[in-house]
Amino acid sequence: GIIIECPPTLNDREQTAAQIQKERGATFIHPS
């Protein structure tokens, strides 16, 4: 896995994941 660290809040996690989706075209997969 390629780790991207972010501040420890849900909002930061979601924003960082959204940024990766936008920049790299990756598909988001929710854990549940």
PDB file of all heavy atoms in Angstrom:
ATOM      1  N   GLY A   1       0.808  -1.210   0.000  1.00  0.00           N
ATOM      2  CA  GLY A   1       0.000   0.000   0.000  1.00  0.00           C
ATOM      3  C   GLY A   1       0.842   1.261   0.000  1.00  0.00           C
ATOM      4  O   GLY A   1       1.921   1.293   0.600  1.00  0.00           O
ATOM      5  N   ILE A   2       0.371   2.289  -0.686  1.00  0.00           N
ATOM      6  CA  ILE A   2       1.050   3.583  -0.733  1.00  0.00           C
ATOM      7  C   ILE A   2       0.370   4.495   0.280  1.00  0.00           C
ATOM      8  O   ILE A   2      -0.793   4.878   0.112  1.00  0.00           O
ATOM      9  CB  ILE A   2       0.958   4.204  -2.148  1.00  0.00           C
ATOM     10  CG1 ILE A   2       1.570   3.245  -3.175  1.00  0.00           C
ATOM     11  CG2 ILE A   2       1.645   5.569  -2.179  1.00  0.00           C
ATOM     12  CD1 ILE A   2       1.243   3.601  -4.618  1.00  0.00           C
ATOM     13  N   ILE A   3       1.068   4.821   1.359  1.00  0.00           N
ATOM     14  CA  ILE A   3       0.456   5.563   2.464  1.00  0.00           C
ATOM     15  C   ILE A   3       0.537   7.066   2.236  1.00  0.00           C
ATOM     16  O   ILE A   3       1.589   7.598   1.891  1.00  0.00           O
ATOM     17  CB  ILE A   3       1.139   5.206   3.805  1.00  0.00           C
ATOM     18  CG1 ILE A   3       0.897   3.731   4.131  1.00  0.00           C
ATOM     19  CG2 ILE A   3       0.619   6.095   4.936  1.00  0.00           C
ATOM     20  CD1 ILE A   3       1.623   3.269   5.377  1.00  0.00           C
ATOM     21  N   ILE A   4      -0.587   7.727   2.446  1.00  0.00           N
ATOM     22  CA  ILE A   4      -0.644   9.189   2.461  1.00  0.00           C
ATOM     23  C   ILE A   4      -1.164   9.574   3.849  1.00  0.00           C
ATOM     24  O   ILE A   4      -2.291   9.232   4.204  1.00  0.00           O
ATOM     25  CB  ILE A   4      -1.572   9.759   1.367  1.00  0.00           C
ATOM     26  CG1 ILE A   4      -1.065   9.364  -0.025  1.00  0.00           C
ATOM     27  CG2 ILE A   4      -1.662  11.272   1.483  1.00  0.00           C
ATOM     28  CD1 ILE A   4      -1.656   8.073  -0.542  1.00  0.00           C
ATOM     29  N   GLU A   5      -0.337  10.248   4.622  1.00  0.00           N
ATOM     30  CA  GLU A   5      -0.740  10.609   5.985  1.00  0.00           C
ATOM     31  C   GLU A   5      -1.515  11.924   5.990  1.00  0.00           C
ATOM     32  O   GLU A   5      -1.315  12.791   5.127  1.00  0.00           O
ATOM     33  CB  GLU A   5       0.483  10.715   6.891  1.00  0.00           C
ATOM     34  CG  GLU A   5       1.159   9.380   7.145  1.00  0.00           C
ATOM     35  CD  GLU A   5       2.172   9.438   8.277  1.00  0.00           C
ATOM     36  OE1 GLU A   5       2.107  10.374   9.100  1.00  0.00           O
ATOM     37  OE2 GLU A   5       3.039   8.545   8.346  1.00  0.00           O
ATOM     38  N   CYS A   6      -2.397  12.058   6.974  1.00  0.00           N
ATOM     39  CA  CYS A   6      -3.192  13.261   7.122  1.00  0.00           C
ATOM     40  C   CYS A   6      -3.477  13.494   8.606  1.00  0.00           C
ATOM     41  O   CYS A   6      -3.239  12.610   9.427  1.00  0.00           O
ATOM     42  CB  CYS A   6      -4.506  13.130   6.342  1.00  0.00           C
ATOM     43  SG  CYS A   6      -5.660  11.941   7.061  1.00  0.00           S
ATOM     44  N   PRO A   7      -3.970  14.676   8.976  1.00  0.00           N
ATOM     45  CA  PRO A   7      -4.350  14.903  10.383  1.00  0.00           C
ATOM     46  C   PRO A   7      -5.428  13.914  10.823  1.00  0.00           C
ATOM     47  O   PRO A   7      -6.210  13.430   9.994  1.00  0.00           O
ATOM     48  CB  PRO A   7      -4.884  16.345  10.376  1.00  0.00           C
ATOM     49  CG  PRO A   7      -4.204  16.983   9.207  1.00  0.00           C
ATOM     50  CD  PRO A   7      -4.102  15.913   8.167  1.00  0.00           C
ATOM     51  N   PRO A   8      -5.492  13.602  12.117  1.00  0.00           N
ATOM     52  CA  PRO A   8      -6.371  12.545  12.611  1.00  0.00           C
ATOM     53  C   PRO A   8      -7.831  12.951  12.828  1.00  0.00           C
ATOM     54  O   PRO A   8      -8.374  12.821  13.923  1.00  0.00           O
ATOM     55  CB  PRO A   8      -5.712  12.144  13.932  1.00  0.00           C
ATOM     56  CG  PRO A   8      -5.075  13.397  14.417  1.00  0.00           C
ATOM     57  CD  PRO A   8      -4.597  14.112  13.179  1.00  0.00           C
ATOM     58  N   THR A   9      -8.470  13.464  11.785  1.00  0.00           N
ATOM     59  CA  THR A   9      -9.906  13.744  11.865  1.00  0.00           C
ATOM     60  C   THR A   9     -10.575  13.111  10.653  1.00  0.00           C
ATOM     61  O   THR A   9      -9.946  12.948   9.594  1.00  0.00           O
ATOM     62  CB  THR A   9     -10.208  15.252  11.866  1.00  0.00           C
ATOM     63  OG1 THR A   9      -9.920  15.786  10.549  1.00  0.00           O
ATOM     64  CG2 THR A   9      -9.391  15.976  12.919  1.00  0.00           C
ATOM     65  N   LEU A  10     -11.857  12.757  10.791  1.00  0.00           N
ATOM     66  CA  LEU A  10     -12.581  12.145   9.686  1.00  0.00           C
ATOM     67  C   LEU A  10     -12.655  13.086   8.498  1.00  0.00           C
ATOM     68  O   LEU A  10     -12.510  12.665   7.350  1.00  0.00           O
ATOM     69  CB  LEU A  10     -13.991  11.751  10.143  1.00  0.00           C
ATOM     70  CG  LEU A  10     -14.889  11.117   9.068  1.00  0.00           C
ATOM     71  CD1 LEU A  10     -14.263   9.847   8.521  1.00  0.00           C
ATOM     72  CD2 LEU A  10     -16.278  10.841   9.637  1.00  0.00           C
ATOM     73  N   ASN A  11     -12.844  14.375   8.749  1.00  0.00           N
ATOM     74  CA  ASN A  11     -12.923  15.355   7.672  1.00  0.00           C
ATOM     75  C   ASN A  11     -11.632  15.392   6.868  1.00  0.00           C
ATOM     76  O   ASN A  11     -11.654  15.421   5.628  1.00  0.00           O
ATOM     77  CB  ASN A  11     -13.221  16.742   8.246  1.00  0.00           C
ATOM     78  CG  ASN A  11     -13.444  17.774   7.156  1.00  0.00           C
ATOM     79  OD1 ASN A  11     -14.302  17.610   6.298  1.00  0.00           O
ATOM     80  ND2 ASN A  11     -12.664  18.850   7.191  1.00  0.00           N
ATOM     81  N   ASP A  12     -10.495  15.373   7.571  1.00  0.00           N
ATOM     82  CA  ASP A  12      -9.203  15.386   6.865  1.00  0.00           C
ATOM     83  C   ASP A  12      -8.999  14.110   6.065  1.00  0.00           C
ATOM     84  O   ASP A  12      -8.469  14.145   4.945  1.00  0.00           O
ATOM     85  CB  ASP A  12      -8.060  15.552   7.879  1.00  0.00           C
ATOM     86  CG  ASP A  12      -7.932  16.988   8.381  1.00  0.00           C
ATOM     87  OD1 ASP A  12      -7.791  17.894   7.552  1.00  0.00           O
ATOM     88  OD2 ASP A  12      -7.989  17.195   9.604  1.00  0.00           O
ATOM     89  N   ARG A  13      -9.424  12.981   6.628  1.00  0.00           N
ATOM     90  CA  ARG A  13      -9.277  11.713   5.911  1.00  0.00           C
ATOM     91  C   ARG A  13     -10.094  11.723   4.630  1.00  0.00           C
ATOM     92  O   ARG A  13      -9.610  11.315   3.556  1.00  0.00           O
ATOM     93  CB  ARG A  13      -9.709  10.555   6.822  1.00  0.00           C
ATOM     94  CG  ARG A  13      -8.709  10.234   7.897  1.00  0.00           C
ATOM     95  CD  ARG A  13      -9.270   9.399   9.023  1.00  0.00           C
ATOM     96  NE  ARG A  13      -9.842   8.135   8.591  1.00  0.00           N
ATOM     97  CZ  ARG A  13      -9.982   7.078   9.390  1.00  0.00           C
ATOM     98  NH1 ARG A  13      -9.599   7.149  10.649  1.00  0.00           N
ATOM     99  NH2 ARG A  13     -10.528   5.969   8.941  1.00  0.00           N
ATOM    100  N   GLU A  14     -11.325  12.203   4.721  1.00  0.00           N
ATOM    101  CA  GLU A  14     -12.200  12.224   3.551  1.00  0.00           C
ATOM    102  C   GLU A  14     -11.699  13.200   2.489  1.00  0.00           C
ATOM    103  O   GLU A  14     -11.726  12.893   1.291  1.00  0.00           O
ATOM    104  CB  GLU A  14     -13.627  12.592   3.975  1.00  0.00           C
ATOM    105  CG  GLU A  14     -14.308  11.503   4.787  1.00  0.00           C
ATOM    106  CD  GLU A  14     -15.681  11.904   5.292  1.00  0.00           C
ATOM    107  OE1 GLU A  14     -15.954  13.136   5.308  1.00  0.00           O
ATOM    108  OE2 GLU A  14     -16.469  11.029   5.664  1.00  0.00           O
ATOM    109  N   GLN A  15     -11.229  14.372   2.933  1.00  0.00           N
ATOM    110  CA  GLN A  15     -10.713  15.364   1.985  1.00  0.00           C
ATOM    111  C   GLN A  15      -9.461  14.864   1.278  1.00  0.00           C
ATOM    112  O   GLN A  15      -9.287  15.074   0.071  1.00  0.00           O
ATOM    113  CB  GLN A  15     -10.433  16.673   2.711  1.00  0.00           C
ATOM    114  CG  GLN A  15     -11.679  17.462   3.081  1.00  0.00           C
ATOM    115  CD  GLN A  15     -11.355  18.849   3.625  1.00  0.00           C
ATOM    116  OE1 GLN A  15     -10.197  19.210   3.801  1.00  0.00           O
ATOM    117  NE2 GLN A  15     -12.397  19.628   3.885  1.00  0.00           N
ATOM    118  N   THR A  16      -8.576  14.208   2.028  1.00  0.00           N
ATOM    119  CA  THR A  16      -7.339  13.689   1.432  1.00  0.00           C
ATOM    120  C   THR A  16      -7.650  12.596   0.420  1.00  0.00           C
ATOM    121  O   THR A  16      -7.054  12.560  -0.673  1.00  0.00           O
ATOM    122  CB  THR A  16      -6.402  13.146   2.527  1.00  0.00           C
ATOM    123  OG1 THR A  16      -6.161  14.166   3.496  1.00  0.00           O
ATOM    124  CG2 THR A  16      -5.078  12.695   1.931  1.00  0.00           C
ATOM    125  N   ALA A  17      -8.583  11.704   0.760  1.00  0.00           N
ATOM    126  CA  ALA A  17      -8.974  10.642  -0.182  1.00  0.00           C
ATOM    127  C   ALA A  17      -9.594  11.243  -1.442  1.00  0.00           C
ATOM    128  O   ALA A  17      -9.313  10.790  -2.562  1.00  0.00           O
ATOM    129  CB  ALA A  17      -9.959   9.687   0.491  1.00  0.00           C
ATOM    130  N   ALA A  18     -10.413  12.279  -1.273  1.00  0.00           N
ATOM    131  CA  ALA A  18     -11.038  12.933  -2.425  1.00  0.00           C
ATOM    132  C   ALA A  18      -9.993  13.594  -3.319  1.00  0.00           C
ATOM    133  O   ALA A  18     -10.115  13.585  -4.553  1.00  0.00           O
ATOM    134  CB  ALA A  18     -12.055  13.970  -1.946  1.00  0.00           C
ATOM    135  N   GLN A  19      -8.955  14.144  -2.697  1.00  0.00           N
ATOM    136  CA  GLN A  19      -7.885  14.781  -3.464  1.00  0.00           C
ATOM    137  C   GLN A  19      -7.127  13.748  -4.308  1.00  0.00           C
ATOM    138  O   GLN A  19      -6.786  14.008  -5.465  1.00  0.00           O
ATOM    139  CB  GLN A  19      -6.919  15.474  -2.501  1.00  0.00           C
ATOM    140  CG  GLN A  19      -5.828  16.278  -3.202  1.00  0.00           C
ATOM    141  CD  GLN A  19      -4.943  17.009  -2.208  1.00  0.00           C
ATOM    142  OE1 GLN A  19      -5.214  17.051  -1.014  1.00  0.00           O
ATOM    143  NE2 GLN A  19      -3.860  17.586  -2.715  1.00  0.00           N
ATOM    144  N   ILE A  20      -6.895  12.577  -3.745  1.00  0.00           N
ATOM    145  CA  ILE A  20      -6.210  11.516  -4.491  1.00  0.00           C
ATOM    146  C   ILE A  20      -7.082  11.041  -5.653  1.00  0.00           C
ATOM    147  O   ILE A  20      -6.585  10.787  -6.758  1.00  0.00           O
ATOM    148  CB  ILE A  20      -5.865  10.338  -3.550  1.00  0.00           C
ATOM    149  CG1 ILE A  20      -4.809  10.784  -2.540  1.00  0.00           C
ATOM    150  CG2 ILE A  20      -5.363   9.130  -4.349  1.00  0.00           C
ATOM    151  CD1 ILE A  20      -4.597   9.814  -1.413  1.00  0.00           C
ATOM    152  N   GLN A  21      -8.381  10.933  -5.407  1.00  0.00           N
ATOM    153  CA  GLN A  21      -9.301  10.564  -6.483  1.00  0.00           C
ATOM    154  C   GLN A  21      -9.189  11.554  -7.644  1.00  0.00           C
ATOM    155  O   GLN A  21      -9.115  11.164  -8.812  1.00  0.00           O
ATOM    156  CB  GLN A  21     -10.743  10.567  -5.976  1.00  0.00           C
ATOM    157  CG  GLN A  21     -11.129   9.373  -5.129  1.00  0.00           C
ATOM    158  CD  GLN A  21     -12.580   9.465  -4.710  1.00  0.00           C
ATOM    159  OE1 GLN A  21     -12.900  10.013  -3.664  1.00  0.00           O
ATOM    160  NE2 GLN A  21     -13.471   8.936  -5.524  1.00  0.00           N
ATOM    161  N   LYS A  22      -9.163  12.824  -7.304  1.00  0.00           N
ATOM    162  CA  LYS A  22      -9.132  13.874  -8.332  1.00  0.00           C
ATOM    163  C   LYS A  22      -7.798  13.900  -9.060  1.00  0.00           C
ATOM    164  O   LYS A  22      -7.752  14.001 -10.298  1.00  0.00           O
ATOM    165  CB  LYS A  22      -9.401  15.233  -7.666  1.00  0.00           C
ATOM    166  CG  LYS A  22      -9.461  16.395  -8.636  1.00  0.00           C
ATOM    167  CD  LYS A  22      -9.785  17.691  -7.908  1.00  0.00           C
ATOM    168  CE  LYS A  22      -9.822  18.872  -8.881  1.00  0.00           C
ATOM    169  NZ  LYS A  22     -10.130  20.150  -8.174  1.00  0.00           N
ATOM    170  N   GLU A  23      -6.697  13.828  -8.315  1.00  0.00           N
ATOM    171  CA  GLU A  23      -5.377  13.979  -8.917  1.00  0.00           C
ATOM    172  C   GLU A  23      -4.904  12.733  -9.664  1.00  0.00           C
ATOM    173  O   GLU A  23      -4.222  12.829 -10.682  1.00  0.00           O
ATOM    174  CB  GLU A  23      -4.349  14.333  -7.825  1.00  0.00           C
ATOM    175  CG  GLU A  23      -4.570  15.711  -7.205  1.00  0.00           C
ATOM    176  CD  GLU A  23      -3.580  15.991  -6.089  1.00  0.00           C
ATOM    177  OE1 GLU A  23      -2.790  15.068  -5.728  1.00  0.00           O
ATOM    178  OE2 GLU A  23      -3.593  17.119  -5.560  1.00  0.00           O
ATOM    179  N   ARG A  24      -5.244  11.555  -9.149  1.00  0.00           N
ATOM    180  CA  ARG A  24      -4.687  10.323  -9.720  1.00  0.00           C
ATOM    181  C   ARG A  24      -5.734   9.440 -10.380  1.00  0.00           C
ATOM    182  O   ARG A  24      -5.415   8.405 -10.944  1.00  0.00           O
ATOM    183  CB  ARG A  24      -3.948   9.535  -8.634  1.00  0.00           C
ATOM    184  CG  ARG A  24      -2.945  10.428  -7.903  1.00  0.00           C
ATOM    185  CD  ARG A  24      -2.072   9.676  -6.941  1.00  0.00           C
ATOM    186  NE  ARG A  24      -1.309  10.606  -6.105  1.00  0.00           N
ATOM    187  CZ  ARG A  24      -0.353  10.262  -5.254  1.00  0.00           C
ATOM    188  NH1 ARG A  24      -0.033   8.988  -5.131  1.00  0.00           N
ATOM    189  NH2 ARG A  24       0.279  11.162  -4.531  1.00  0.00           N
ATOM    190  N   GLY A  25      -7.001   9.831 -10.273  1.00  0.00           N
ATOM    191  CA  GLY A  25      -8.050   9.059 -10.927  1.00  0.00           C
ATOM    192  C   GLY A  25      -8.375   7.752 -10.242  1.00  0.00           C
ATOM    193  O   GLY A  25      -9.051   6.888 -10.818  1.00  0.00           O
ATOM    194  N   ALA A  26      -7.906   7.582  -9.017  1.00  0.00           N
ATOM    195  CA  ALA A  26      -8.163   6.340  -8.288  1.00  0.00           C
ATOM    196  C   ALA A  26      -9.632   6.245  -7.878  1.00  0.00           C
ATOM    197  O   ALA A  26     -10.294   7.259  -7.666  1.00  0.00           O
ATOM    198  CB  ALA A  26      -7.264   6.269  -7.049  1.00  0.00           C
ATOM    199  N   THR A  27     -10.114   5.019  -7.767  1.00  0.00           N
ATOM    200  CA  THR A  27     -11.500   4.771  -7.364  1.00  0.00           C
ATOM    201  C   THR A  27     -11.573   4.587  -5.855  1.00  0.00           C
ATOM    202  O   THR A  27     -10.835   3.775  -5.287  1.00  0.00           O
ATOM    203  CB  THR A  27     -12.050   3.511  -8.052  1.00  0.00           C
ATOM    204  OG1 THR A  27     -12.020   3.701  -9.474  1.00  0.00           O
ATOM    205  CG2 THR A  27     -13.488   3.237  -7.612  1.00  0.00           C
ATOM    206  N   PHE A  28     -12.477   5.316  -5.210  1.00  0.00           N
ATOM    207  CA  PHE A  28     -12.619   5.191  -3.754  1.00  0.00           C
ATOM    208  C   PHE A  28     -13.416   3.944  -3.410  1.00  0.00           C
ATOM    209  O   PHE A  28     -14.457   3.673  -4.006  1.00  0.00           O
ATOM    210  CB  PHE A  28     -13.329   6.419  -3.170  1.00  0.00           C
ATOM    211  CG  PHE A  28     -13.529   6.327  -1.679  1.00  0.00           C
ATOM    212  CD1 PHE A  28     -12.469   6.493  -0.817  1.00  0.00           C
ATOM    213  CD2 PHE A  28     -14.788   6.040  -1.153  1.00  0.00           C
ATOM    214  CE1 PHE A  28     -12.644   6.409   0.560  1.00  0.00           C
ATOM    215  CE2 PHE A  28     -14.973   5.947   0.215  1.00  0.00           C
ATOM    216  CZ  PHE A  28     -13.893   6.121   1.081  1.00  0.00           C
ATOM    217  N   ILE A  29     -12.921   3.176  -2.449  1.00  0.00           N
ATOM    218  CA  ILE A  29     -13.629   1.996  -1.954  1.00  0.00           C
ATOM    219  C   ILE A  29     -13.836   2.157  -0.459  1.00  0.00           C
ATOM    220  O   ILE A  29     -12.870   2.242   0.308  1.00  0.00           O
ATOM    221  CB  ILE A  29     -12.857   0.698  -2.268  1.00  0.00           C
ATOM    222  CG1 ILE A  29     -12.726   0.525  -3.782  1.00  0.00           C
ATOM    223  CG2 ILE A  29     -13.574  -0.505  -1.639  1.00  0.00           C
ATOM    224  CD1 ILE A  29     -11.954  -0.713  -4.196  1.00  0.00           C
ATOM    225  N   HIS A  30     -15.090   2.195  -0.052  1.00  0.00           N
ATOM    226  CA  HIS A  30     -15.410   2.349   1.361  1.00  0.00           C
ATOM    227  C   HIS A  30     -15.227   1.015   2.083  1.00  0.00           C
ATOM    228  O   HIS A  30     -15.570  -0.039   1.545  1.00  0.00           O
ATOM    229  CB  HIS A  30     -16.849   2.839   1.521  1.00  0.00           C
ATOM    230  CG  HIS A  30     -17.168   3.338   2.891  1.00  0.00           C
ATOM    231  ND1 HIS A  30     -17.463   2.482   3.948  1.00  0.00           N
ATOM    232  CD2 HIS A  30     -17.221   4.599   3.407  1.00  0.00           C
ATOM    233  CE1 HIS A  30     -17.681   3.190   5.032  1.00  0.00           C
ATOM    234  NE2 HIS A  30     -17.540   4.480   4.737  1.00  0.00           N
ATOM    235  N   PRO A  31     -14.709   1.033   3.312  1.00  0.00           N
ATOM    236  CA  PRO A  31     -14.458  -0.217   4.038  1.00  0.00           C
ATOM    237  C   PRO A  31     -15.699  -1.049   4.345  1.00  0.00           C
ATOM    238  O   PRO A  31     -15.582  -2.268   4.534  1.00  0.00           O
ATOM    239  CB  PRO A  31     -13.814   0.260   5.350  1.00  0.00           C
ATOM    240  CG  PRO A  31     -13.213   1.583   5.025  1.00  0.00           C
ATOM    241  CD  PRO A  31     -14.141   2.202   4.028  1.00  0.00           C
ATOM    242  N   SER A  32     -16.878  -0.436   4.399  1.00  0.00           N
ATOM    243  CA  SER A  32     -18.066  -1.208   4.792  1.00  0.00           C
ATOM    244  C   SER A  32     -19.342  -0.816   4.062  1.00  0.00           C
ATOM    245  O   SER A  32     -20.234  -1.649   3.897  1.00  0.00           O
ATOM    246  CB  SER A  32     -18.312  -1.067   6.305  1.00  0.00           C
ATOM    247  OG  SER A  32     -18.439   0.297   6.670  1.00  0.00           O
TER     248      SER A  32
END
